[in-house]
Protein backbone atom coordinates (compact mmCIF):
# COMPACT_ATOMS: atom_id res chain seq x y z
CA UNK A 1 8.06 1.97 -2.65
CA UNK A 2 7.88 -0.42 0.31
CA UNK A 3 9.32 2.03 1.93
CA UNK A 4 7.43 4.44 1.81
CA UNK A 5 4.37 2.29 2.39
CA UNK A 6 6.13 2.12 5.93
CA UNK A 7 5.98 5.78 6.21
CA UNK A 8 2.23 6.36 5.12
CA UNK A 9 1.30 3.22 7.65
CA UNK A 10 3.51 4.69 10.94
CA UNK A 11 1.76 8.19 9.64
CA UNK A 12 -1.34 7.09 9.88
CA UNK A 13 -0.71 4.88 13.22
CA UNK A 14 0.07 8.53 14.59
CA UNK A 15 -2.85 10.18 12.76
CA UNK A 16 -5.29 8.22 14.23
CA UNK A 17 -3.51 7.90 17.51
CA UNK A 18 -3.01 11.65 18.93
CA UNK A 19 -7.45 11.68 17.90
CA UNK A 20 -8.02 8.86 20.07
CA UNK A 21 -10.06 9.54 23.70
CA UNK A 22 -10.40 7.90 26.68
CA UNK A 23 -14.24 6.73 26.51
CA UNK A 24 -13.46 5.99 22.40
CA UNK A 25 -10.96 2.80 23.50
CA UNK A 26 -13.72 0.25 22.57
CA UNK A 27 -11.07 -2.18 20.55
CA UNK A 28 -8.54 0.10 20.36
CA UNK A 29 -5.23 -1.87 20.77
CA UNK A 30 -2.96 -5.02 19.42
CA UNK A 31 -5.20 -7.82 17.62
CA UNK A 32 -4.35 -10.79 16.38
CA UNK A 33 -6.35 -12.44 13.86
CA UNK A 34 -6.53 -16.06 12.52
CA UNK A 35 -8.50 -17.35 9.60
CA UNK A 36 -9.19 -20.51 7.97
CA UNK A 37 -10.35 -20.90 4.34
CA UNK A 38 -13.59 -22.73 3.78
CA UNK A 39 -13.00 -21.91 -0.11
CA UNK A 40 -10.11 -21.18 -1.45
CA UNK A 41 -9.72 -20.68 -5.37
CA UNK A 42 -5.75 -19.13 -5.81
CA UNK A 43 -3.25 -19.18 -3.52
CA UNK A 44 -2.30 -19.29 -0.16
CA UNK A 45 -4.90 -16.90 1.94
CA UNK A 46 -2.44 -14.20 3.01
CA UNK A 47 -4.72 -13.59 5.79
CA UNK A 48 -4.33 -16.95 7.31
CA UNK A 49 -2.29 -14.93 10.82
CA UNK A 50 -1.38 -11.47 11.12
CA UNK A 51 -1.65 -8.70 13.61
CA UNK A 52 -3.25 -5.36 13.36
CA UNK A 53 -3.10 -1.92 15.00
CA UNK A 54 -7.00 -1.40 15.82
CA UNK A 55 -7.88 2.74 16.39
CA UNK A 56 -11.46 4.00 17.69
CA UNK A 57 -13.12 6.64 17.31
CA UNK A 58 -16.73 6.72 17.52
CA UNK A 59 -17.65 3.56 15.96
CA UNK A 60 -14.88 4.41 13.16
CA UNK A 61 -11.87 1.73 13.11
CA UNK A 62 -8.95 2.44 11.73
CA UNK A 63 -4.92 0.89 11.53
CA UNK A 64 -2.73 -1.19 10.21
CA UNK A 65 -1.45 -4.29 9.97
CA UNK A 66 1.58 -6.56 8.81
CA UNK A 67 1.03 -10.81 7.94
CA UNK A 68 3.92 -13.72 7.30
CA UNK A 69 2.37 -15.96 4.62
CA UNK A 70 3.24 -16.03 2.34
CA UNK A 71 5.43 -13.09 1.88
CA UNK A 72 5.70 -10.35 4.90
CA UNK A 73 3.38 -7.43 3.83
CA UNK A 74 1.95 -4.56 5.38
CA UNK A 75 -1.73 -3.19 5.41
CA UNK A 76 -5.00 -1.22 5.69
CA UNK A 77 -8.06 -2.05 8.47
CA UNK A 78 -11.01 1.01 8.00
CA UNK A 79 -13.66 -0.19 9.22
CA UNK A 80 -17.50 0.33 11.60
CA UNK A 81 -18.64 -1.20 15.29
CA UNK A 82 -22.13 -0.93 15.59
CA UNK A 83 -23.16 -2.09 18.71
CA UNK A 84 -22.08 -5.51 18.88
CA UNK A 85 -21.64 -5.79 14.70
CA UNK A 86 -18.03 -5.28 13.22
CA UNK A 87 -17.43 -4.37 9.79
CA UNK A 88 -13.70 -3.84 8.98
CA UNK A 89 -12.24 -3.77 5.28
CA UNK A 90 -8.55 -4.87 4.56
CA UNK A 91 -6.54 -3.93 2.17
CA UNK A 92 -2.80 -5.42 1.45
CA UNK A 93 -0.13 -2.95 0.23
CA UNK A 94 1.71 -5.44 -2.18
CA UNK A 95 1.43 -7.76 -5.18
CA UNK A 96 -0.54 -8.84 -6.66
CA UNK A 97 -3.03 -5.65 -5.41
CA UNK A 98 -5.17 -7.31 -2.61
CA UNK A 99 -8.61 -6.56 -0.05
CA UNK A 100 -10.88 -8.63 1.86
CA UNK A 101 -13.91 -7.78 4.27
CA UNK A 102 -15.16 -9.21 7.38
CA UNK A 103 -17.90 -8.53 9.29
CA UNK A 104 -18.61 -10.30 12.85
CA UNK A 105 -18.85 -9.40 16.00
CA UNK A 106 -17.46 -9.23 19.16
CA UNK A 107 -18.29 -11.54 22.42
CA UNK A 108 -18.96 -10.92 26.34
CA UNK A 109 -15.16 -11.97 26.33
CA UNK A 110 -14.75 -8.88 23.92
CA UNK A 111 -13.35 -11.49 21.19
CA UNK A 112 -14.53 -11.17 17.33
CA UNK A 113 -15.46 -13.97 14.83
CA UNK A 114 -16.94 -14.00 12.06
CA UNK A 115 -16.95 -14.43 8.35
CA UNK A 116 -15.52 -13.10 5.59
CA UNK A 117 -14.14 -12.69 2.03
CA UNK A 118 -11.20 -11.76 0.00
CA UNK A 119 -9.85 -11.38 -3.12
CA UNK A 120 -6.22 -10.22 -5.06
CA UNK A 121 -5.98 -8.63 -8.37
CA UNK A 122 -5.51 -11.73 -10.02
CA UNK A 123 -8.13 -13.45 -9.96
CA UNK A 124 -7.80 -15.31 -6.97
CA UNK A 125 -10.16 -15.04 -3.72
CA UNK A 126 -11.08 -17.01 -0.75
CA UNK A 127 -13.99 -17.63 2.29
CA UNK A 128 -14.02 -17.97 5.08
CA UNK A 129 -14.60 -18.13 8.86
CA UNK A 130 -11.90 -15.23 11.50
CA UNK A 131 -11.45 -14.80 15.44
CA UNK A 132 -9.37 -12.05 17.13
CA UNK A 133 -8.18 -11.56 20.36
CA UNK A 134 -6.50 -7.94 21.53
CA UNK A 135 -3.11 -9.33 22.67
CA UNK A 136 -2.17 -5.73 24.36
CA UNK A 137 -3.73 -2.55 25.12
CA UNK A 138 -0.55 -0.61 24.13
CA UNK A 139 -0.56 -0.19 20.06
CA UNK A 140 2.62 1.80 20.22
CA UNK A 141 4.25 -2.12 19.81
CA UNK A 142 3.19 -2.30 16.85
CA UNK A 143 5.44 -3.30 13.62
CA UNK A 144 5.58 -3.31 10.18
CA UNK A 145 6.72 -6.24 8.57
CA UNK A 146 10.56 -5.99 7.38
CA UNK A 147 10.62 -5.53 3.62
CA UNK A 148 13.09 -6.67 1.11
CA UNK A 149 15.25 -3.14 0.17
CA UNK A 150 14.23 -1.68 -2.52
CA UNK A 151 16.23 -2.81 -5.75
CA UNK A 152 17.76 0.72 -6.64
CA UNK A 153 19.38 1.31 -3.05
CA UNK A 154 22.55 0.34 -2.88
CA UNK A 155 23.22 -2.07 0.54
CA UNK A 156 26.56 -0.73 2.02
CA UNK A 157 28.59 -3.01 4.33
CA UNK A 158 30.70 -0.50 5.50
CA UNK A 159 31.39 3.66 4.50
CA UNK A 160 30.90 6.17 1.74
CA UNK A 161 34.57 4.86 1.55
CA UNK A 162 33.33 1.00 -0.48
CA UNK A 163 32.57 3.32 -3.86
CA UNK A 164 34.32 3.73 -6.38
CA UNK A 165 34.53 6.35 -8.17
CA UNK A 166 33.74 5.77 -12.24
CA UNK A 167 35.14 8.62 -14.97
CA UNK A 168 32.37 9.13 -17.10
CA UNK A 169 33.99 10.90 -20.32
CA UNK A 170 32.51 14.14 -22.04
CA UNK A 171 29.22 13.57 -23.43
CA UNK A 172 30.73 13.83 -27.41
CA UNK A 173 29.92 17.03 -29.60
CA UNK A 174 27.80 17.11 -32.59
CA UNK A 175 28.39 19.49 -35.14
CA UNK A 176 24.64 21.44 -35.76
CA UNK A 177 23.39 20.30 -39.21
CA UNK A 178 22.28 22.77 -42.12
CA UNK A 179 19.59 22.91 -43.76
CA UNK A 180 19.91 24.39 -47.53
CA UNK A 181 17.79 27.63 -48.21
CA UNK A 182 15.69 28.60 -51.04
CA UNK A 183 15.76 32.40 -50.91
CA UNK A 184 12.83 33.54 -53.26
CA UNK A 185 11.42 36.97 -54.46
CA UNK A 186 9.57 38.84 -55.97
CA UNK A 187 9.63 41.87 -57.76
CA UNK A 188 7.24 45.01 -59.17
CA UNK A 189 7.51 43.16 -62.86
CA UNK A 190 7.22 39.39 -61.79
CA UNK A 191 4.15 37.65 -63.16
CA UNK A 192 1.83 36.42 -61.20
CA UNK A 193 -0.06 32.60 -62.88
CA UNK A 194 -3.88 33.35 -62.72
CA UNK A 195 -6.13 30.87 -62.46
CA UNK A 196 -8.16 30.22 -65.82
CA UNK A 197 -11.97 30.89 -65.86
């Protein structure tokens, strides 16, 4: 699941990056976000500090984001920039599933700021303000968060010879069960019961 998530995020970045024209650069780049929660209902805010690789195509924004609080997570970003008004939606791909909406504007220095509302599938919620500044126009520097290995993939420190081959007993053959058959046959002389009227 985590490996597939990382592949999806990498594909999203490559696809979005391939279609960017020079005149659509706007917010394209690596951004550092900082959020301050005014109201908290639940666990610590997962969006306290995170980085995002944003891509613009016209007014549309797409990209990927990653954070470390409270555990490493990866996410997806979609949104729109109309004039100086910014509207972003963020989906954190982790348990519990968390979504946030950020609205704000960009200032003369190119930084963005505004307010956010965030909630997760357990019912926890947060509201507050955010600010973000571009750290690099190079989106190729984006790195997703490291994730724990999947539980069903063995962690191997050596070579393939480290695995022991376990001989398995062949499955026991079951004797087919016999069913008793009753044969009913009729002849011309058979008397059938007739309903009484």
